C-alpha atoms as a PDB file:
ATOM      1  CA  MET A   1      41.373  57.718 -32.306  1.00  0.00           C
ATOM      2  CA  THR A   2      38.345  55.847 -34.159  1.00  0.00           C
ATOM      3  CA  PRO A   3      37.491  52.738 -32.390  1.00  0.00           C
ATOM      4  CA  ARG A   4      37.934  49.353 -34.242  1.00  0.00           C
ATOM      5  CA  LYS A   5      34.922  47.908 -35.524  1.00  0.00           C
ATOM      6  CA  LYS A   6      34.920  44.443 -34.333  1.00  0.00           C
ATOM      7  CA  ASN A   7      34.351  41.744 -36.797  1.00  0.00           C
ATOM      8  CA  LYS A   8      31.375  39.761 -36.234  1.00  0.00           C
ATOM      9  CA  ARG A   9      32.154  36.050 -36.506  1.00  0.00           C
ATOM     10  CA  LYS A  10      29.793  34.167 -38.548  1.00  0.00           C
ATOM     11  CA  ILE A  11      28.174  31.235 -36.854  1.00  0.00           C
ATOM     12  CA  LYS A  12      28.377  28.349 -39.046  1.00  0.00           C
ATOM     13  CA  LYS A  13      25.196  26.321 -39.088  1.00  0.00           C
ATOM     14  CA  PRO A  14      25.477  22.218 -38.477  1.00  0.00           C
ATOM     15  CA  ARG A  15      25.226  20.564 -41.677  1.00  0.00           C
ATOM     16  CA  SER A  16      22.267  18.188 -41.508  1.00  0.00           C
ATOM     17  CA  ASN A  17      23.080  14.633 -41.679  1.00  0.00           C
ATOM     18  CA  PRO A  18      20.815  12.904 -44.458  1.00  0.00           C
ATOM     19  CA  LYS A  19      20.668   9.520 -42.832  1.00  0.00           C
ATOM     20  CA  ILE A  20      19.740  10.949 -39.313  1.00  0.00           C
ATOM     21  CA  ASN A  21      16.915  12.917 -40.980  1.00  0.00           C
ATOM     22  CA  GLN A  22      15.786   9.859 -42.782  1.00  0.00           C
ATOM     23  CA  THR A  23      15.702   7.813 -39.330  1.00  0.00           C
ATOM     24  CA  LEU A  24      13.645  10.552 -37.565  1.00  0.00           C
ATOM     25  CA  GLN A  25      11.301  10.774 -40.465  1.00  0.00           C
ATOM     26  CA  LYS A  26      10.552   7.101 -39.927  1.00  0.00           C
ATOM     27  CA  ILE A  27       9.757   7.772 -36.116  1.00  0.00           C
ATOM     28  CA  PRO A  28       5.835   7.654 -35.882  1.00  0.00           C
ATOM     29  CA  LYS A  29       4.471  10.648 -34.290  1.00  0.00           C
ATOM     30  CA  GLU A  30       1.881  10.560 -31.597  1.00  0.00           C
ATOM     31  CA  PRO A  31      -1.541  10.896 -33.181  1.00  0.00           C
ATOM     32  CA  SER A  32      -3.175  14.040 -32.095  1.00  0.00           C
ATOM     33  CA  SER A  33      -6.626  13.888 -30.201  1.00  0.00           C
ATOM     34  CA  GLU A  34      -8.279  15.050 -33.367  1.00  0.00           C
ATOM     35  CA  LYS A  35      -7.313  11.836 -35.045  1.00  0.00           C
ATOM     36  CA  ILE A  36      -8.147   9.259 -32.416  1.00  0.00           C
ATOM     37  CA  ASP A  37     -10.663   7.012 -33.814  1.00  0.00           C
ATOM     38  CA  PRO A  38     -14.071   7.601 -32.424  1.00  0.00           C
ATOM     39  CA  GLU A  39     -14.913   4.295 -31.058  1.00  0.00           C
ATOM     40  CA  LEU A  40     -11.347   4.371 -29.147  1.00  0.00           C
ATOM     41  CA  ALA A  41     -12.035   7.476 -27.496  1.00  0.00           C
ATOM     42  CA  LYS A  42     -15.139   5.964 -26.482  1.00  0.00           C
ATOM     43  CA  ASP A  43     -13.745   3.256 -25.017  1.00  0.00           C
ATOM     44  CA  LEU A  44     -11.134   5.137 -23.242  1.00  0.00           C
ATOM     45  CA  GLU A  45     -14.063   7.323 -21.836  1.00  0.00           C
ATOM     46  CA  GLU A  46     -15.688   4.345 -20.447  1.00  0.00           C
ATOM     47  CA  LEU A  47     -12.613   2.786 -18.794  1.00  0.00           C
ATOM     48  CA  ASN A  48     -11.939   6.142 -16.881  1.00  0.00           C
ATOM     49  CA  LYS A  49     -15.787   6.109 -15.794  1.00  0.00           C
ATOM     50  CA  MET A  50     -15.384   2.322 -14.586  1.00  0.00           C
ATOM     51  CA  PHE A  51     -12.210   3.103 -12.566  1.00  0.00           C
ATOM     52  CA  LEU A  52     -14.040   6.085 -10.867  1.00  0.00           C
ATOM     53  CA  THR A  53     -16.647   3.757 -10.156  1.00  0.00           C
ATOM     54  CA  ILE A  54     -14.243   1.462  -8.335  1.00  0.00           C
ATOM     55  CA  GLY A  55     -12.878   4.581  -6.483  1.00  0.00           C
ATOM     56  CA  PHE A  56     -16.177   5.464  -5.313  1.00  0.00           C
ATOM     57  CA  TYR A  57     -16.857   2.158  -3.335  1.00  0.00           C
ATOM     58  CA  PRO A  58     -18.103   1.932  -0.775  1.00  0.00           C
ATOM     59  CA  VAL A  59     -19.550   5.310  -0.182  1.00  0.00           C
ATOM     60  CA  ALA A  60     -20.819   6.292  -3.498  1.00  0.00           C
ATOM     61  CA  ALA A  61     -21.084   3.243  -5.264  1.00  0.00           C
ATOM     62  CA  ASP A  62     -21.948  -0.219  -3.782  1.00  0.00           C
ATOM     63  CA  ILE A  63     -20.260  -3.683  -4.116  1.00  0.00           C
ATOM     64  CA  THR A  64     -22.500  -4.643  -7.200  1.00  0.00           C
ATOM     65  CA  LYS A  65     -21.394  -1.873  -9.210  1.00  0.00           C
ATOM     66  CA  ARG A  66     -17.705  -2.051  -8.223  1.00  0.00           C
ATOM     67  CA  ASP A  67     -17.630  -5.869  -9.433  1.00  0.00           C
ATOM     68  CA  GLU A  68     -19.464  -4.921 -12.600  1.00  0.00           C
ATOM     69  CA  ALA A  69     -17.117  -2.182 -13.414  1.00  0.00           C
ATOM     70  CA  LYS A  70     -14.028  -4.640 -12.589  1.00  0.00           C
ATOM     71  CA  ASN A  71     -15.501  -7.219 -14.969  1.00  0.00           C
ATOM     72  CA  SER A  72     -15.859  -4.581 -17.796  1.00  0.00           C
ATOM     73  CA  ILE A  73     -12.391  -3.935 -17.421  1.00  0.00           C
ATOM     74  CA  ILE A  74     -11.146  -7.428 -17.726  1.00  0.00           C
ATOM     75  CA  GLN A  75     -13.699  -7.879 -20.549  1.00  0.00           C
ATOM     76  CA  LYS A  76     -12.160  -4.703 -22.342  1.00  0.00           C
ATOM     77  CA  TYR A  77      -8.662  -5.865 -21.727  1.00  0.00           C
ATOM     78  CA  ASN A  78      -9.361  -9.334 -23.197  1.00  0.00           C
ATOM     79  CA  LYS A  79     -10.993  -7.792 -26.294  1.00  0.00           C
ATOM     80  CA  GLY A  80      -9.020  -4.758 -26.869  1.00  0.00           C
ATOM     81  CA  GLY A  81      -6.138  -3.630 -28.798  1.00  0.00           C
ATOM     82  CA  ASP A  82      -2.668  -2.917 -27.390  1.00  0.00           C
ATOM     83  CA  VAL A  83      -3.742   1.001 -26.715  1.00  0.00           C
ATOM     84  CA  ILE A  84      -6.776  -0.174 -24.629  1.00  0.00           C
ATOM     85  CA  LYS A  85      -4.650  -2.763 -22.709  1.00  0.00           C
ATOM     86  CA  GLN A  86      -1.702   0.108 -22.037  1.00  0.00           C
ATOM     87  CA  ASN A  87      -4.111   2.238 -20.767  1.00  0.00           C
ATOM     88  CA  ILE A  88      -5.700  -0.051 -18.236  1.00  0.00           C
ATOM     89  CA  VAL A  89      -2.526  -1.219 -17.046  1.00  0.00           C
ATOM     90  CA  HIS A  90      -1.281   2.597 -16.748  1.00  0.00           C
ATOM     91  CA  LEU A  91      -4.552   3.439 -15.117  1.00  0.00           C
ATOM     92  CA  ILE A  92      -4.119   0.626 -12.340  1.00  0.00           C
ATOM     93  CA  PHE A  93      -0.399   1.609 -11.779  1.00  0.00           C
ATOM     94  CA  GLU A  94      -1.223   5.159 -11.355  1.00  0.00           C
ATOM     95  CA  ASN A  95      -4.096   4.108  -8.792  1.00  0.00           C
ATOM     96  CA  LEU A  96      -1.743   1.783  -6.835  1.00  0.00           C
ATOM     97  CA  THR A  97       1.258   4.402  -6.647  1.00  0.00           C
ATOM     98  CA  GLN A  98      -0.824   7.604  -5.808  1.00  0.00           C
ATOM     99  CA  PHE A  99      -1.213   6.889  -2.161  1.00  0.00           C
ATOM    100  CA  TRP A 100       2.054   4.860  -1.382  1.00  0.00           C
ATOM    101  CA  ASP A 101       2.894   6.954   1.773  1.00  0.00           C
ATOM    102  CA  PHE A 102       0.686   7.437   4.592  1.00  0.00           C
ATOM    103  CA  ARG A 103       3.234   8.599   6.988  1.00  0.00           C
ATOM    104  CA  VAL A 104       1.498  11.987   6.451  1.00  0.00           C
ATOM    105  CA  PRO A 105      -2.056  12.353   6.864  1.00  0.00           C
ATOM    106  CA  PHE A 106      -4.269  13.776   3.848  1.00  0.00           C
ATOM    107  CA  ASN A 107      -6.015  16.380   5.966  1.00  0.00           C
ATOM    108  CA  PHE A 108      -6.482  20.031   5.408  1.00  0.00           C
ATOM    109  CA  GLY A 109      -3.291  21.129   6.486  1.00  0.00           C
ATOM    110  CA  PHE A 110      -1.311  18.916   4.150  1.00  0.00           C
ATOM    111  CA  PHE A 111      -3.334  19.848   1.039  1.00  0.00           C
ATOM    112  CA  LYS A 112      -2.937  23.662   2.321  1.00  0.00           C
ATOM    113  CA  SER A 113       0.758  23.058   2.023  1.00  0.00           C
ATOM    114  CA  LYS A 114       0.681  21.328  -1.401  1.00  0.00           C
ATOM    115  CA  PHE A 115      -1.708  24.078  -2.959  1.00  0.00           C
ATOM    116  CA  PRO A 116      -1.442  27.258  -0.836  1.00  0.00           C
ATOM    117  CA  ASN A 117      -3.374  29.387  -3.311  1.00  0.00           C
ATOM    118  CA  GLU A 118      -6.612  27.162  -3.652  1.00  0.00           C
ATOM    119  CA  GLU A 119      -9.803  28.320  -2.038  1.00  0.00           C
ATOM    120  CA  PRO A 120     -10.653  26.492   1.322  1.00  0.00           C
ATOM    121  CA  LYS A 121     -13.712  24.703  -0.193  1.00  0.00           C
ATOM    122  CA  LYS A 122     -11.552  23.164  -2.852  1.00  0.00           C
ATOM    123  CA  LEU A 123      -9.104  22.027  -0.019  1.00  0.00           C
ATOM    124  CA  LYS A 124     -11.607  20.536   1.942  1.00  0.00           C
ATOM    125  CA  LEU A 125     -13.203  18.651  -1.335  1.00  0.00           C
ATOM    126  CA  SER A 126      -9.543  17.329  -1.689  1.00  0.00           C
ATOM    127  CA  THR A 127      -9.707  15.882   1.780  1.00  0.00           C
ATOM    128  CA  TYR A 128     -12.907  14.618   1.573  1.00  0.00           C
ATOM    129  CA  ARG A 129     -11.678  12.608  -1.976  1.00  0.00           C
ATOM    130  CA  ALA A 130      -8.601  11.462  -0.175  1.00  0.00           C
ATOM    131  CA  ILE A 131     -10.261   9.839   2.797  1.00  0.00           C
ATOM    132  CA  PHE A 132     -13.112   8.204   0.825  1.00  0.00           C
ATOM    133  CA  ASN A 133     -11.021   7.048  -2.236  1.00  0.00           C
ATOM    134  CA  PHE A 134     -11.095   3.375  -2.237  1.00  0.00           C
ATOM    135  CA  TYR A 135      -7.729   3.388  -3.910  1.00  0.00           C
ATOM    136  CA  SER A 136      -6.213   5.178  -1.239  1.00  0.00           C
ATOM    137  CA  SER A 137      -6.611   2.053   1.460  1.00  0.00           C
ATOM    138  CA  ILE A 138      -5.235  -1.175   1.851  1.00  0.00           C
ATOM    139  CA  GLU A 139      -8.009  -3.090   0.798  1.00  0.00           C
ATOM    140  CA  GLY A 140      -8.209  -0.921  -2.623  1.00  0.00           C
ATOM    141  CA  SER A 141      -4.885  -1.544  -3.415  1.00  0.00           C
ATOM    142  CA  ILE A 142      -5.100  -5.531  -2.893  1.00  0.00           C
ATOM    143  CA  PHE A 143      -8.200  -5.136  -5.011  1.00  0.00           C
ATOM    144  CA  LEU A 144      -6.177  -3.300  -7.906  1.00  0.00           C
ATOM    145  CA  ILE A 145      -3.400  -6.160  -7.335  1.00  0.00           C
ATOM    146  CA  SER A 146      -5.917  -9.010  -7.436  1.00  0.00           C
ATOM    147  CA  LEU A 147      -7.301  -7.252 -10.842  1.00  0.00           C
ATOM    148  CA  LEU A 148      -3.895  -7.772 -12.476  1.00  0.00           C
ATOM    149  CA  GLY A 149      -3.859 -11.299 -11.786  1.00  0.00           C
ATOM    150  CA  GLU A 150      -7.098 -11.815 -13.340  1.00  0.00           C
ATOM    151  CA  LEU A 151      -5.813  -9.942 -16.845  1.00  0.00           C
ATOM    152  CA  LYS A 152      -3.591 -13.375 -16.683  1.00  0.00           C
ATOM    153  CA  ASP A 153      -1.164 -11.968 -19.329  1.00  0.00           C
ATOM    154  CA  THR A 154       2.502 -11.276 -19.259  1.00  0.00           C
ATOM    155  CA  THR A 155       2.243  -7.603 -19.587  1.00  0.00           C
ATOM    156  CA  SER A 156       0.040  -7.791 -16.010  1.00  0.00           C
ATOM    157  CA  ALA A 157       2.635 -10.347 -14.752  1.00  0.00           C
ATOM    158  CA  LYS A 158       5.168  -8.061 -15.245  1.00  0.00           C
ATOM    159  CA  LEU A 159       3.477  -4.921 -13.587  1.00  0.00           C
ATOM    160  CA  LEU A 160       3.043  -7.132 -10.723  1.00  0.00           C
ATOM    161  CA  THR A 161       6.593  -7.955 -10.328  1.00  0.00           C
ATOM    162  CA  HIS A 162       7.479  -4.291 -10.871  1.00  0.00           C
ATOM    163  CA  LEU A 163       5.384  -3.232  -7.975  1.00  0.00           C
ATOM    164  CA  PHE A 164       6.899  -6.156  -5.762  1.00  0.00           C
ATOM    165  CA  ASN A 165      10.083  -4.679  -6.402  1.00  0.00           C
ATOM    166  CA  TYR A 166       8.945  -1.418  -5.649  1.00  0.00           C
ATOM    167  CA  TYR A 167       7.101  -2.365  -2.274  1.00  0.00           C
ATOM    168  CA  SER A 168      10.145  -4.595  -1.146  1.00  0.00           C
ATOM    169  CA  ALA A 169      12.047  -1.176  -0.526  1.00  0.00           C
ATOM    170  CA  PHE A 170       9.555  -0.523   2.516  1.00  0.00           C
ATOM    171  CA  ASP A 171       9.190  -2.683   5.664  1.00  0.00           C
ATOM    172  CA  SER A 172       5.670  -1.983   7.191  1.00  0.00           C
ATOM    173  CA  GLU A 173       2.646  -3.910   7.615  1.00  0.00           C
ATOM    174  CA  ARG A 174       0.834  -2.163   4.661  1.00  0.00           C
ATOM    175  CA  PHE A 175       3.735  -3.178   2.355  1.00  0.00           C
ATOM    176  CA  ARG A 176       4.220  -6.603   3.736  1.00  0.00           C
ATOM    177  CA  MET A 177       0.402  -7.475   3.059  1.00  0.00           C
ATOM    178  CA  LEU A 178       0.589  -5.930  -0.678  1.00  0.00           C
ATOM    179  CA  ARG A 179       3.842  -8.096  -1.126  1.00  0.00           C
ATOM    180  CA  ILE A 180       1.606 -11.156  -0.278  1.00  0.00           C
ATOM    181  CA  ALA A 181      -1.314  -9.994  -2.542  1.00  0.00           C
ATOM    182  CA  ILE A 182       1.188  -9.706  -5.387  1.00  0.00           C
ATOM    183  CA  ILE A 183       2.259 -13.515  -4.813  1.00  0.00           C
ATOM    184  CA  ASP A 184      -1.282 -14.299  -4.793  1.00  0.00           C
ATOM    185  CA  ALA A 185      -2.145 -12.599  -8.020  1.00  0.00           C
ATOM    186  CA  LEU A 186       1.056 -14.181  -9.800  1.00  0.00           C
ATOM    187  CA  GLY A 187      -0.583 -17.596  -8.690  1.00  0.00           C
ATOM    188  CA  GLU A 188      -4.015 -16.256 -10.746  1.00  0.00           C
ATOM    189  CA  SER A 189      -1.747 -15.197 -13.880  1.00  0.00           C
ATOM    190  CA  ASP A 190      -1.560 -17.549 -17.016  1.00  0.00           C
ATOM    191  CA  SER A 191       1.884 -16.206 -17.973  1.00  0.00           C
ATOM    192  CA  ASP A 192       5.211 -18.423 -17.925  1.00  0.00           C
ATOM    193  CA  TYR A 193       6.761 -15.247 -16.576  1.00  0.00           C
ATOM    194  CA  ALA A 194       4.718 -15.613 -13.586  1.00  0.00           C
ATOM    195  CA  ILE A 195       5.607 -18.947 -12.646  1.00  0.00           C
ATOM    196  CA  ARG A 196       9.442 -18.344 -13.365  1.00  0.00           C
ATOM    197  CA  THR A 197       9.372 -15.065 -10.972  1.00  0.00           C
ATOM    198  CA  LEU A 198       7.730 -17.416  -8.275  1.00  0.00           C
ATOM    199  CA  ILE A 199      10.390 -20.156  -8.482  1.00  0.00           C
ATOM    200  CA  THR A 200      12.999 -17.296  -8.300  1.00  0.00           C
ATOM    201  CA  TYR A 201      11.429 -15.582  -5.206  1.00  0.00           C
ATOM    202  CA  ALA A 202      11.139 -18.801  -3.537  1.00  0.00           C
ATOM    203  CA  ASN A 203      14.882 -19.798  -4.211  1.00  0.00           C
ATOM    204  CA  ASN A 204      16.241 -16.282  -2.971  1.00  0.00           C
ATOM    205  CA  THR A 205      13.712 -15.349  -0.118  1.00  0.00           C
ATOM    206  CA  ASP A 206      14.533 -15.480   3.529  1.00  0.00           C
ATOM    207  CA  SER A 207      11.081 -14.517   4.856  1.00  0.00           C
ATOM    208  CA  ASP A 208       8.961 -17.611   6.271  1.00  0.00           C
ATOM    209  CA  ARG A 209       6.064 -15.453   5.681  1.00  0.00           C
ATOM    210  CA  LEU A 210       6.666 -15.024   1.776  1.00  0.00           C
ATOM    211  CA  THR A 211       7.891 -18.934   1.634  1.00  0.00           C
ATOM    212  CA  HIS A 212       4.547 -19.917   3.198  1.00  0.00           C
ATOM    213  CA  LYS A 213       2.497 -18.120   0.665  1.00  0.00           C
ATOM    214  CA  ILE A 214       4.583 -19.048  -2.481  1.00  0.00           C
ATOM    215  CA  PHE A 215       4.398 -22.607  -1.462  1.00  0.00           C
ATOM    216  CA  SER A 216       0.395 -22.322  -1.437  1.00  0.00           C
ATOM    217  CA  VAL A 217       0.519 -20.525  -4.598  1.00  0.00           C
ATOM    218  CA  LEU A 218       3.211 -23.091  -6.406  1.00  0.00           C
ATOM    219  CA  MET A 219       0.490 -25.819  -5.502  1.00  0.00           C
ATOM    220  CA  LYS A 220      -1.872 -24.067  -7.477  1.00  0.00           C
ATOM    221  CA  TRP A 221       0.359 -23.664 -10.790  1.00  0.00           C
ATOM    222  CA  ASP A 222       1.405 -27.665 -10.061  1.00  0.00           C
ATOM    223  CA  GLU A 223      -2.324 -28.047 -10.895  1.00  0.00           C
ATOM    224  CA  LYS A 224      -2.644 -25.912 -13.898  1.00  0.00           C
ATOM    225  CA  ILE A 225       0.557 -25.762 -15.757  1.00  0.00           C
ATOM    226  CA  ASP A 226      -0.147 -28.833 -18.037  1.00  0.00           C
ATOM    227  CA  SER A 227      -3.174 -27.174 -19.685  1.00  0.00           C
ATOM    228  CA  PHE A 228      -0.753 -24.398 -20.832  1.00  0.00           C
ATOM    229  CA  LYS A 229       0.217 -24.883 -24.671  1.00  0.00           C
ATOM    230  CA  TRP A 230       4.028 -23.421 -24.049  1.00  0.00           C
ATOM    231  CA  GLU A 231       7.136 -24.556 -26.138  1.00  0.00           C
ATOM    232  CA  SER A 232       7.529 -28.257 -25.004  1.00  0.00           C
ATOM    233  CA  SER A 233      11.196 -27.917 -23.878  1.00  0.00           C
ATOM    234  CA  GLU A 234      10.625 -24.806 -21.896  1.00  0.00           C
ATOM    235  CA  LYS A 235       7.453 -26.386 -20.176  1.00  0.00           C
ATOM    236  CA  ARG A 236       9.498 -29.287 -19.258  1.00  0.00           C
ATOM    237  CA  LYS A 237      12.450 -27.147 -17.585  1.00  0.00           C
ATOM    238  CA  ILE A 238       9.712 -25.216 -15.752  1.00  0.00           C
ATOM    239  CA  LYS A 239       7.944 -28.267 -14.446  1.00  0.00           C
ATOM    240  CA  LYS A 240      11.307 -29.770 -13.445  1.00  0.00           C
ATOM    241  CA  SER A 241      12.264 -26.646 -11.517  1.00  0.00           C
ATOM    242  CA  LEU A 242       8.423 -26.506  -9.823  1.00  0.00           C
ATOM    243  CA  ASN A 243       8.559 -30.001  -8.974  1.00  0.00           C
ATOM    244  CA  GLU A 244      11.870 -30.010  -7.097  1.00  0.00           C
ATOM    245  CA  LEU A 245      10.920 -26.744  -5.593  1.00  0.00           C
ATOM    246  CA  ILE A 246       7.782 -28.135  -3.979  1.00  0.00           C
ATOM    247  CA  SER A 247       9.329 -31.356  -3.004  1.00  0.00           C
ATOM    248  CA  VAL A 248      11.786 -29.163  -0.986  1.00  0.00           C
ATOM    249  CA  LEU A 249       8.964 -27.426   0.562  1.00  0.00           C
ATOM    250  CA  LYS A 250       7.224 -30.268   1.451  1.00  0.00           C
ATOM    251  CA  ASN A 251      10.136 -31.787   3.339  1.00  0.00           C
ATOM    252  CA  ASN A 252       9.817 -28.670   5.682  1.00  0.00           C
ATOM    253  CA  GLU A 253       6.302 -29.025   6.121  1.00  0.00           C
ATOM    254  CA  ASP A 254       6.304 -28.058   9.809  1.00  0.00           C
ATOM    255  CA  SER A 255       7.429 -24.653   8.990  1.00  0.00           C
ATOM    256  CA  TYR A 256       4.512 -24.032   6.671  1.00  0.00           C
ATOM    257  CA  VAL A 257       1.447 -22.004   7.655  1.00  0.00           C
ATOM    258  CA  ARG A 258      -0.894 -21.233   4.796  1.00  0.00           C
END
């Protein structure tokens, strides 16, 4: 018997939906590196160098160079467009979250297990960089958090609250210090989102240490809030909440330790 030939079923191609195609065509494509504006590319390169300079402090860069780099970053942020601002915020975030877990020492064995095929010389270099990277220290993290406060806008304030949420998942002295630094940075911000968040934290935390710090920061806000040109009705609401909260905190003055 001759075997029957199996009929091959033709798979129908799905019909294209004209509406979906039109929608997809409207989505802006990311520009290729070839199309990046030369001035923008230059600014981005300078930004990377500034962050590297800060990371080299105090071994390969002194405090003057560190602070010059920080001031240049703030200047670029204030004058730059969305792409520059996004890159600055991204670089700060990456450096703040790169070395979050210090339960494992960044020694030769750590990098050997992470990169088993790497040459010993490069592994030793990675160990050296991890030890002397300013960003891998508590003081380096606090420096970057303070920098976010000096950027003063809502974008930087939102990143601060995002970090606060992240750091709140860990109960160690390192993360307690970083949370306090974030409260200080929110006090430097000029964003109404920052003051709203501080009021929310103050009304909901049961940490005396955090409450004491928020109280001192709210006093700063009380001094400067009138200088902001916010929508009048919203400004009145914020001022009312702020004054009520400060009044409550002042009544418990004996428990405040700045």
